[in-house]
Amino acid sequence: MRKLFLSLLLTLAYAAGAWSQTVTETYRIKQMRCEDCAHKVMVAVTQDPGVSDINFNLERRTATITYDKSKTCLDSLKSRLAHTRYRLTAYDPHEVIRRGIGFHLAELSDEGKAQQISEALYRIQGVDSVVPHVDKQWVFVRYDANRTEKQAVRDCLTTLGYTPVNHYTSAEISYALLRLLATQATGQTAEAALLIDGVDDAWVNKATHTLAITYVNKNTSEAKIKEELKEAGIKVE
């Protein structure tokens, strides 16, 4: 019995030692800017046999990697990206990481609403600049990606009664604000819109029953989008 007990202890100690070799670290990935970039980084890094998981934060340009220290090391992870334009460097959670976003707001109609938007967004920790454009119906926001994120800005605008979608200054991009049935004002409707060729962004405001869409003119039109949504069983006005 004593031998069995000692054997069990040794087994547990070995397992604990093996487990302690697994670490999860976050690194900055220079030049990584989009999902396609992240995919390329993932393919390269996961070729390392010691890597078991990798997750990305595109706003911070970071990758959180889980790996076995007995099978790989930081230098090995860096070497996996040597043949790409991406570089793995240290990540500092206290660093200020400036990001800027523009949201089109079809419901933005006067300076009073613009002032309300500014006051609400400045209350978000990490937001340092808010510039609404009433005439063009959009707002530009600068923020620290280590303290907040794009989704927090979007959620705030949604709470205020807007249906924010990505804004671009290009004449090749257009926007549509569509009315939905209350039962269809869901995230699934936004996902269905995003599947339409030419749609860049889609967002639903569940409270106002609206669907806002950013789309590329050469690939689609508001009429085509309405038709494809109708074919998907989504009624819009």
C-alpha atoms as a PDB file:
ATOM      1  CA  MET A   1       0.000   0.000   0.000  1.00  0.00           C
ATOM      2  CA  ARG A   2       2.837   2.350   0.897  1.00  0.00           C
ATOM      3  CA  LYS A   3       4.519   1.655  -2.464  1.00  0.00           C
ATOM      4  CA  LEU A   4       1.251   2.358  -4.283  1.00  0.00           C
ATOM      5  CA  PHE A   5       0.877   5.649  -2.395  1.00  0.00           C
ATOM      6  CA  LEU A   6       4.438   6.716  -3.254  1.00  0.00           C
ATOM      7  CA  SER A   7       3.899   5.735  -6.880  1.00  0.00           C
ATOM      8  CA  LEU A   8       0.760   7.874  -7.005  1.00  0.00           C
ATOM      9  CA  LEU A   9       2.612  10.843  -5.534  1.00  0.00           C
ATOM     10  CA  LEU A  10       5.372  10.515  -8.111  1.00  0.00           C
ATOM     11  CA  THR A  11       2.819  10.324 -10.911  1.00  0.00           C
ATOM     12  CA  LEU A  12       1.061  13.439  -9.668  1.00  0.00           C
ATOM     13  CA  ALA A  13       4.360  15.270  -9.263  1.00  0.00           C
ATOM     14  CA  TYR A  14       5.376  14.365 -12.810  1.00  0.00           C
ATOM     15  CA  ALA A  15       1.999  15.501 -14.167  1.00  0.00           C
ATOM     16  CA  ALA A  16       2.268  18.782 -12.273  1.00  0.00           C
ATOM     17  CA  GLY A  17       5.754  19.302 -13.642  1.00  0.00           C
ATOM     18  CA  ALA A  18       4.587  18.624 -17.188  1.00  0.00           C
ATOM     19  CA  TRP A  19       1.616  20.952 -16.752  1.00  0.00           C
ATOM     20  CA  SER A  20       3.848  23.740 -15.423  1.00  0.00           C
ATOM     21  CA  GLN A  21       5.681  23.739 -18.766  1.00  0.00           C
ATOM     22  CA  THR A  22       2.560  25.066 -20.502  1.00  0.00           C
ATOM     23  CA  VAL A  23       2.399  28.868 -20.549  1.00  0.00           C
ATOM     24  CA  THR A  24       0.159  31.466 -22.144  1.00  0.00           C
ATOM     25  CA  GLU A  25       1.814  34.714 -23.205  1.00  0.00           C
ATOM     26  CA  THR A  26       0.661  37.769 -25.139  1.00  0.00           C
ATOM     27  CA  TYR A  27       2.888  39.400 -27.763  1.00  0.00           C
ATOM     28  CA  ARG A  28       2.597  42.344 -30.140  1.00  0.00           C
ATOM     29  CA  ILE A  29       2.633  41.377 -33.824  1.00  0.00           C
ATOM     30  CA  LYS A  30       4.006  44.260 -35.863  1.00  0.00           C
ATOM     31  CA  GLN A  31       2.387  44.821 -39.283  1.00  0.00           C
ATOM     32  CA  MET A  32      -0.658  42.689 -38.410  1.00  0.00           C
ATOM     33  CA  ARG A  33      -3.698  44.779 -39.308  1.00  0.00           C
ATOM     34  CA  CYS A  34      -6.559  42.568 -40.472  1.00  0.00           C
ATOM     35  CA  GLU A  35      -8.067  39.092 -40.261  1.00  0.00           C
ATOM     36  CA  ASP A  36      -6.094  37.983 -43.309  1.00  0.00           C
ATOM     37  CA  CYS A  37      -2.889  39.056 -41.539  1.00  0.00           C
ATOM     38  CA  ALA A  38      -3.927  37.162 -38.409  1.00  0.00           C
ATOM     39  CA  HIS A  39      -4.613  34.049 -40.457  1.00  0.00           C
ATOM     40  CA  LYS A  40      -1.123  34.183 -41.963  1.00  0.00           C
ATOM     41  CA  VAL A  41       0.418  34.594 -38.510  1.00  0.00           C
ATOM     42  CA  MET A  42      -1.661  31.695 -37.174  1.00  0.00           C
ATOM     43  CA  VAL A  43      -0.587  29.377 -40.005  1.00  0.00           C
ATOM     44  CA  ALA A  44       3.082  30.197 -39.436  1.00  0.00           C
ATOM     45  CA  VAL A  45       3.115  30.027 -35.632  1.00  0.00           C
ATOM     46  CA  THR A  46       0.992  26.884 -35.260  1.00  0.00           C
ATOM     47  CA  GLN A  47       3.516  24.970 -37.372  1.00  0.00           C
ATOM     48  CA  ASP A  48       5.596  24.955 -34.203  1.00  0.00           C
ATOM     49  CA  PRO A  49       4.849  21.610 -32.473  1.00  0.00           C
ATOM     50  CA  GLY A  50       4.925  23.244 -29.044  1.00  0.00           C
ATOM     51  CA  VAL A  51       2.048  25.650 -29.784  1.00  0.00           C
ATOM     52  CA  SER A  52      -1.387  24.471 -28.676  1.00  0.00           C
ATOM     53  CA  ASP A  53      -3.523  27.614 -29.059  1.00  0.00           C
ATOM     54  CA  ILE A  54      -3.403  31.153 -30.438  1.00  0.00           C
ATOM     55  CA  ASN A  55      -5.901  34.025 -30.192  1.00  0.00           C
ATOM     56  CA  PHE A  56      -5.747  37.521 -31.656  1.00  0.00           C
ATOM     57  CA  ASN A  57      -6.737  41.069 -30.740  1.00  0.00           C
ATOM     58  CA  LEU A  58      -6.549  43.053 -33.964  1.00  0.00           C
ATOM     59  CA  GLU A  59      -7.087  46.414 -32.280  1.00  0.00           C
ATOM     60  CA  ARG A  60      -4.064  45.886 -30.061  1.00  0.00           C
ATOM     61  CA  ARG A  61      -2.203  43.981 -32.810  1.00  0.00           C
ATOM     62  CA  THR A  62      -1.533  41.178 -30.331  1.00  0.00           C
ATOM     63  CA  ALA A  63      -1.467  37.388 -30.318  1.00  0.00           C
ATOM     64  CA  THR A  64      -2.017  35.371 -27.140  1.00  0.00           C
ATOM     65  CA  ILE A  65      -0.133  32.096 -27.572  1.00  0.00           C
ATOM     66  CA  THR A  66      -0.301  28.959 -25.443  1.00  0.00           C
ATOM     67  CA  TYR A  67       2.767  26.769 -25.801  1.00  0.00           C
ATOM     68  CA  ASP A  68       4.812  24.069 -24.079  1.00  0.00           C
ATOM     69  CA  LYS A  69       8.178  25.421 -22.887  1.00  0.00           C
ATOM     70  CA  SER A  70       9.662  21.935 -23.029  1.00  0.00           C
ATOM     71  CA  LYS A  71       8.995  21.796 -26.770  1.00  0.00           C
ATOM     72  CA  THR A  72       9.531  25.370 -27.964  1.00  0.00           C
ATOM     73  CA  CYS A  73      10.701  28.824 -26.902  1.00  0.00           C
ATOM     74  CA  LEU A  74      10.290  32.490 -27.771  1.00  0.00           C
ATOM     75  CA  ASP A  75      13.143  32.445 -30.274  1.00  0.00           C
ATOM     76  CA  SER A  76      11.532  29.512 -32.048  1.00  0.00           C
ATOM     77  CA  LEU A  77       8.192  31.338 -32.226  1.00  0.00           C
ATOM     78  CA  LYS A  78       9.937  34.401 -33.668  1.00  0.00           C
ATOM     79  CA  SER A  79      11.702  32.276 -36.273  1.00  0.00           C
ATOM     80  CA  ARG A  80       8.364  30.990 -37.541  1.00  0.00           C
ATOM     81  CA  LEU A  81       7.594  34.525 -38.738  1.00  0.00           C
ATOM     82  CA  ALA A  82      11.058  35.248 -40.149  1.00  0.00           C
ATOM     83  CA  HIS A  83       9.906  34.607 -43.727  1.00  0.00           C
ATOM     84  CA  THR A  84       6.903  36.966 -43.358  1.00  0.00           C
ATOM     85  CA  ARG A  85       6.520  40.724 -42.877  1.00  0.00           C
ATOM     86  CA  TYR A  86       5.214  40.172 -39.343  1.00  0.00           C
ATOM     87  CA  ARG A  87       7.394  40.510 -36.249  1.00  0.00           C
ATOM     88  CA  LEU A  88       6.732  39.165 -32.761  1.00  0.00           C
ATOM     89  CA  THR A  89       7.722  41.634 -30.009  1.00  0.00           C
ATOM     90  CA  ALA A  90       7.031  42.244 -26.319  1.00  0.00           C
ATOM     91  CA  TYR A  91       3.578  43.436 -25.273  1.00  0.00           C
ATOM     92  CA  ASP A  92       3.110  46.054 -22.553  1.00  0.00           C
ATOM     93  CA  PRO A  93      -0.485  46.214 -21.198  1.00  0.00           C
ATOM     94  CA  HIS A  94       0.223  49.708 -19.866  1.00  0.00           C
ATOM     95  CA  GLU A  95       1.351  51.091 -23.206  1.00  0.00           C
ATOM     96  CA  VAL A  96      -0.918  53.589 -24.963  1.00  0.00           C
ATOM     97  CA  ILE A  97      -2.056  52.045 -28.253  1.00  0.00           C
ATOM     98  CA  ARG A  98      -3.767  54.718 -30.355  1.00  0.00           C
ATOM     99  CA  ARG A  99      -6.563  53.639 -32.665  1.00  0.00           C
ATOM    100  CA  GLY A 100      -9.075  55.642 -34.681  1.00  0.00           C
ATOM    101  CA  ILE A 101     -12.486  54.603 -35.990  1.00  0.00           C
ATOM    102  CA  GLY A 102     -15.231  56.272 -37.977  1.00  0.00           C
ATOM    103  CA  PHE A 103     -18.898  55.319 -37.691  1.00  0.00           C
ATOM    104  CA  HIS A 104     -21.613  56.374 -40.119  1.00  0.00           C
ATOM    105  CA  LEU A 105     -24.735  57.482 -38.224  1.00  0.00           C
ATOM    106  CA  ALA A 106     -27.739  57.950 -40.499  1.00  0.00           C
ATOM    107  CA  GLU A 107     -29.797  59.215 -37.529  1.00  0.00           C
ATOM    108  CA  LEU A 108     -27.370  62.075 -36.731  1.00  0.00           C
ATOM    109  CA  SER A 109     -29.345  65.180 -37.698  1.00  0.00           C
ATOM    110  CA  ASP A 110     -28.351  68.190 -35.578  1.00  0.00           C
ATOM    111  CA  GLU A 111     -25.704  69.716 -33.319  1.00  0.00           C
ATOM    112  CA  GLY A 112     -27.674  68.831 -30.200  1.00  0.00           C
ATOM    113  CA  LYS A 113     -27.349  65.140 -31.012  1.00  0.00           C
ATOM    114  CA  ALA A 114     -23.683  65.651 -31.838  1.00  0.00           C
ATOM    115  CA  GLN A 115     -23.112  67.168 -28.402  1.00  0.00           C
ATOM    116  CA  GLN A 116     -24.928  64.256 -26.756  1.00  0.00           C
ATOM    117  CA  ILE A 117     -22.691  61.801 -28.636  1.00  0.00           C
ATOM    118  CA  SER A 118     -19.519  63.603 -27.570  1.00  0.00           C
ATOM    119  CA  GLU A 119     -20.521  63.732 -23.909  1.00  0.00           C
ATOM    120  CA  ALA A 120     -21.424  60.023 -23.844  1.00  0.00           C
ATOM    121  CA  LEU A 121     -18.299  58.808 -25.653  1.00  0.00           C
ATOM    122  CA  TYR A 122     -15.931  60.892 -23.535  1.00  0.00           C
ATOM    123  CA  ARG A 123     -17.237  59.007 -20.509  1.00  0.00           C
ATOM    124  CA  ILE A 124     -15.701  55.804 -21.885  1.00  0.00           C
ATOM    125  CA  GLN A 125     -12.311  55.239 -20.285  1.00  0.00           C
ATOM    126  CA  GLY A 126      -9.668  55.349 -22.987  1.00  0.00           C
ATOM    127  CA  VAL A 127     -11.491  57.630 -25.435  1.00  0.00           C
ATOM    128  CA  ASP A 128      -9.448  60.796 -25.970  1.00  0.00           C
ATOM    129  CA  SER A 129     -10.979  62.404 -29.065  1.00  0.00           C
ATOM    130  CA  VAL A 130     -14.521  62.597 -30.469  1.00  0.00           C
ATOM    131  CA  VAL A 131     -15.329  64.549 -33.649  1.00  0.00           C
ATOM    132  CA  PRO A 132     -18.945  64.364 -34.907  1.00  0.00           C
ATOM    133  CA  HIS A 133     -19.763  65.551 -38.455  1.00  0.00           C
ATOM    134  CA  VAL A 134     -23.460  66.425 -38.619  1.00  0.00           C
ATOM    135  CA  ASP A 135     -23.468  67.372 -42.306  1.00  0.00           C
ATOM    136  CA  LYS A 136     -21.939  64.043 -43.371  1.00  0.00           C
ATOM    137  CA  GLN A 137     -23.576  62.013 -40.603  1.00  0.00           C
ATOM    138  CA  TRP A 138     -20.552  60.353 -39.077  1.00  0.00           C
ATOM    139  CA  VAL A 139     -18.347  60.495 -36.005  1.00  0.00           C
ATOM    140  CA  PHE A 140     -14.608  59.912 -35.689  1.00  0.00           C
ATOM    141  CA  VAL A 141     -13.277  58.539 -32.397  1.00  0.00           C
ATOM    142  CA  ARG A 142      -9.712  58.076 -31.168  1.00  0.00           C
ATOM    143  CA  TYR A 143      -9.052  55.740 -28.257  1.00  0.00           C
ATOM    144  CA  ASP A 144      -6.450  53.701 -26.394  1.00  0.00           C
ATOM    145  CA  ALA A 145      -6.909  50.042 -27.400  1.00  0.00           C
ATOM    146  CA  ASN A 146      -5.346  48.935 -24.100  1.00  0.00           C
ATOM    147  CA  ARG A 147      -8.176  50.607 -22.185  1.00  0.00           C
ATOM    148  CA  THR A 148     -11.228  50.195 -24.407  1.00  0.00           C
ATOM    149  CA  GLU A 149     -12.281  48.800 -27.780  1.00  0.00           C
ATOM    150  CA  LYS A 150     -14.288  49.556 -30.905  1.00  0.00           C
ATOM    151  CA  GLN A 151     -17.212  47.473 -29.646  1.00  0.00           C
ATOM    152  CA  ALA A 152     -17.568  49.639 -26.525  1.00  0.00           C
ATOM    153  CA  VAL A 153     -17.883  52.736 -28.731  1.00  0.00           C
ATOM    154  CA  ARG A 154     -20.408  51.002 -30.980  1.00  0.00           C
ATOM    155  CA  ASP A 155     -22.460  49.801 -28.004  1.00  0.00           C
ATOM    156  CA  CYS A 156     -22.550  53.319 -26.555  1.00  0.00           C
ATOM    157  CA  LEU A 157     -23.817  54.779 -29.835  1.00  0.00           C
ATOM    158  CA  THR A 158     -26.405  52.012 -30.096  1.00  0.00           C
ATOM    159  CA  THR A 159     -27.679  52.798 -26.596  1.00  0.00           C
ATOM    160  CA  LEU A 160     -28.070  56.438 -27.659  1.00  0.00           C
ATOM    161  CA  GLY A 161     -30.427  55.336 -30.449  1.00  0.00           C
ATOM    162  CA  TYR A 162     -28.057  55.157 -33.421  1.00  0.00           C
ATOM    163  CA  THR A 163     -27.274  52.265 -35.741  1.00  0.00           C
ATOM    164  CA  PRO A 164     -23.515  52.685 -36.344  1.00  0.00           C
ATOM    165  CA  VAL A 165     -21.646  51.083 -39.236  1.00  0.00           C
ATOM    166  CA  ASN A 166     -18.127  51.517 -40.594  1.00  0.00           C
ATOM    167  CA  HIS A 167     -17.597  54.891 -42.289  1.00  0.00           C
ATOM    168  CA  TYR A 168     -15.331  55.552 -45.277  1.00  0.00           C
ATOM    169  CA  THR A 169     -14.604  58.793 -47.101  1.00  0.00           C
ATOM    170  CA  SER A 170     -14.462  57.011 -50.484  1.00  0.00           C
ATOM    171  CA  ALA A 171     -17.178  57.796 -53.040  1.00  0.00           C
ATOM    172  CA  GLU A 172     -17.151  54.087 -53.894  1.00  0.00           C
ATOM    173  CA  ILE A 173     -18.859  53.313 -50.565  1.00  0.00           C
ATOM    174  CA  SER A 174     -22.530  53.896 -49.730  1.00  0.00           C
ATOM    175  CA  TYR A 175     -24.798  53.386 -46.727  1.00  0.00           C
ATOM    176  CA  ALA A 176     -28.338  52.194 -46.149  1.00  0.00           C
ATOM    177  CA  LEU A 177     -30.613  52.434 -43.114  1.00  0.00           C
ATOM    178  CA  LEU A 178     -33.459  49.923 -43.273  1.00  0.00           C
ATOM    179  CA  ARG A 179     -36.471  49.374 -41.025  1.00  0.00           C
ATOM    180  CA  LEU A 180     -37.105  45.878 -39.658  1.00  0.00           C
ATOM    181  CA  LEU A 181     -39.922  43.982 -38.072  1.00  0.00           C
ATOM    182  CA  ALA A 182     -39.409  43.944 -34.299  1.00  0.00           C
ATOM    183  CA  THR A 183     -39.036  40.158 -34.361  1.00  0.00           C
ATOM    184  CA  GLN A 184     -36.260  40.408 -36.958  1.00  0.00           C
ATOM    185  CA  ALA A 185     -34.213  43.091 -35.218  1.00  0.00           C
ATOM    186  CA  THR A 186     -31.586  40.572 -34.157  1.00  0.00           C
ATOM    187  CA  GLY A 187     -27.911  39.815 -34.507  1.00  0.00           C
ATOM    188  CA  GLN A 188     -28.836  37.013 -36.920  1.00  0.00           C
ATOM    189  CA  THR A 189     -30.236  39.622 -39.321  1.00  0.00           C
ATOM    190  CA  ALA A 190     -26.944  41.529 -39.249  1.00  0.00           C
ATOM    191  CA  GLU A 191     -25.081  38.275 -39.906  1.00  0.00           C
ATOM    192  CA  ALA A 192     -27.338  37.550 -42.879  1.00  0.00           C
ATOM    193  CA  ALA A 193     -26.619  41.007 -44.301  1.00  0.00           C
ATOM    194  CA  LEU A 194     -22.873  40.483 -43.917  1.00  0.00           C
ATOM    195  CA  LEU A 195     -23.111  37.386 -46.115  1.00  0.00           C
ATOM    196  CA  ILE A 196     -24.294  39.493 -49.059  1.00  0.00           C
ATOM    197  CA  ASP A 197     -21.580  40.137 -51.630  1.00  0.00           C
ATOM    198  CA  GLY A 198     -20.419  43.745 -51.432  1.00  0.00           C
ATOM    199  CA  VAL A 199     -21.571  44.380 -47.848  1.00  0.00           C
ATOM    200  CA  ASP A 200     -18.673  45.615 -45.702  1.00  0.00           C
ATOM    201  CA  ASP A 201     -20.459  46.101 -42.376  1.00  0.00           C
ATOM    202  CA  ALA A 202     -23.927  45.614 -40.904  1.00  0.00           C
ATOM    203  CA  TRP A 203     -25.377  46.421 -37.507  1.00  0.00           C
ATOM    204  CA  VAL A 204     -28.824  46.071 -35.942  1.00  0.00           C
ATOM    205  CA  ASN A 205     -30.275  48.340 -33.275  1.00  0.00           C
ATOM    206  CA  LYS A 206     -32.748  46.116 -31.460  1.00  0.00           C
ATOM    207  CA  ALA A 207     -34.442  49.054 -29.705  1.00  0.00           C
ATOM    208  CA  THR A 208     -35.186  51.084 -32.856  1.00  0.00           C
ATOM    209  CA  HIS A 209     -35.674  48.034 -35.148  1.00  0.00           C
ATOM    210  CA  THR A 210     -33.174  49.349 -37.684  1.00  0.00           C
ATOM    211  CA  LEU A 211     -30.493  47.730 -39.824  1.00  0.00           C
ATOM    212  CA  ALA A 212     -27.601  49.887 -41.053  1.00  0.00           C
ATOM    213  CA  ILE A 213     -25.334  48.679 -43.847  1.00  0.00           C
ATOM    214  CA  THR A 214     -22.063  49.829 -45.399  1.00  0.00           C
ATOM    215  CA  TYR A 215     -21.626  48.518 -48.948  1.00  0.00           C
ATOM    216  CA  VAL A 216     -19.381  48.762 -52.014  1.00  0.00           C
ATOM    217  CA  ASN A 217     -21.189  50.380 -54.950  1.00  0.00           C
ATOM    218  CA  LYS A 218     -19.539  48.333 -57.702  1.00  0.00           C
ATOM    219  CA  ASN A 219     -20.609  45.073 -56.076  1.00  0.00           C
ATOM    220  CA  THR A 220     -24.154  45.785 -54.962  1.00  0.00           C
ATOM    221  CA  SER A 221     -26.830  48.437 -54.348  1.00  0.00           C
ATOM    222  CA  GLU A 222     -29.486  49.177 -51.776  1.00  0.00           C
ATOM    223  CA  ALA A 223     -32.138  47.636 -54.041  1.00  0.00           C
ATOM    224  CA  LYS A 224     -30.106  44.444 -54.469  1.00  0.00           C
ATOM    225  CA  ILE A 225     -29.475  44.217 -50.745  1.00  0.00           C
ATOM    226  CA  LYS A 226     -33.198  44.534 -50.020  1.00  0.00           C
ATOM    227  CA  GLU A 227     -33.953  41.810 -52.551  1.00  0.00           C
ATOM    228  CA  GLU A 228     -31.376  39.419 -51.106  1.00  0.00           C
ATOM    229  CA  LEU A 229     -32.612  40.072 -47.578  1.00  0.00           C
ATOM    230  CA  LYS A 230     -36.145  39.347 -48.758  1.00  0.00           C
ATOM    231  CA  GLU A 231     -34.952  36.049 -50.244  1.00  0.00           C
ATOM    232  CA  ALA A 232     -33.434  35.246 -46.845  1.00  0.00           C
ATOM    233  CA  GLY A 233     -36.842  35.809 -45.222  1.00  0.00           C
ATOM    234  CA  ILE A 234     -36.038  39.242 -43.792  1.00  0.00           C
ATOM    235  CA  LYS A 235     -38.598  41.976 -44.431  1.00  0.00           C
ATOM    236  CA  VAL A 236     -37.168  45.512 -44.670  1.00  0.00           C
ATOM    237  CA  GLU A 237     -38.535  48.948 -45.501  1.00  0.00           C
END
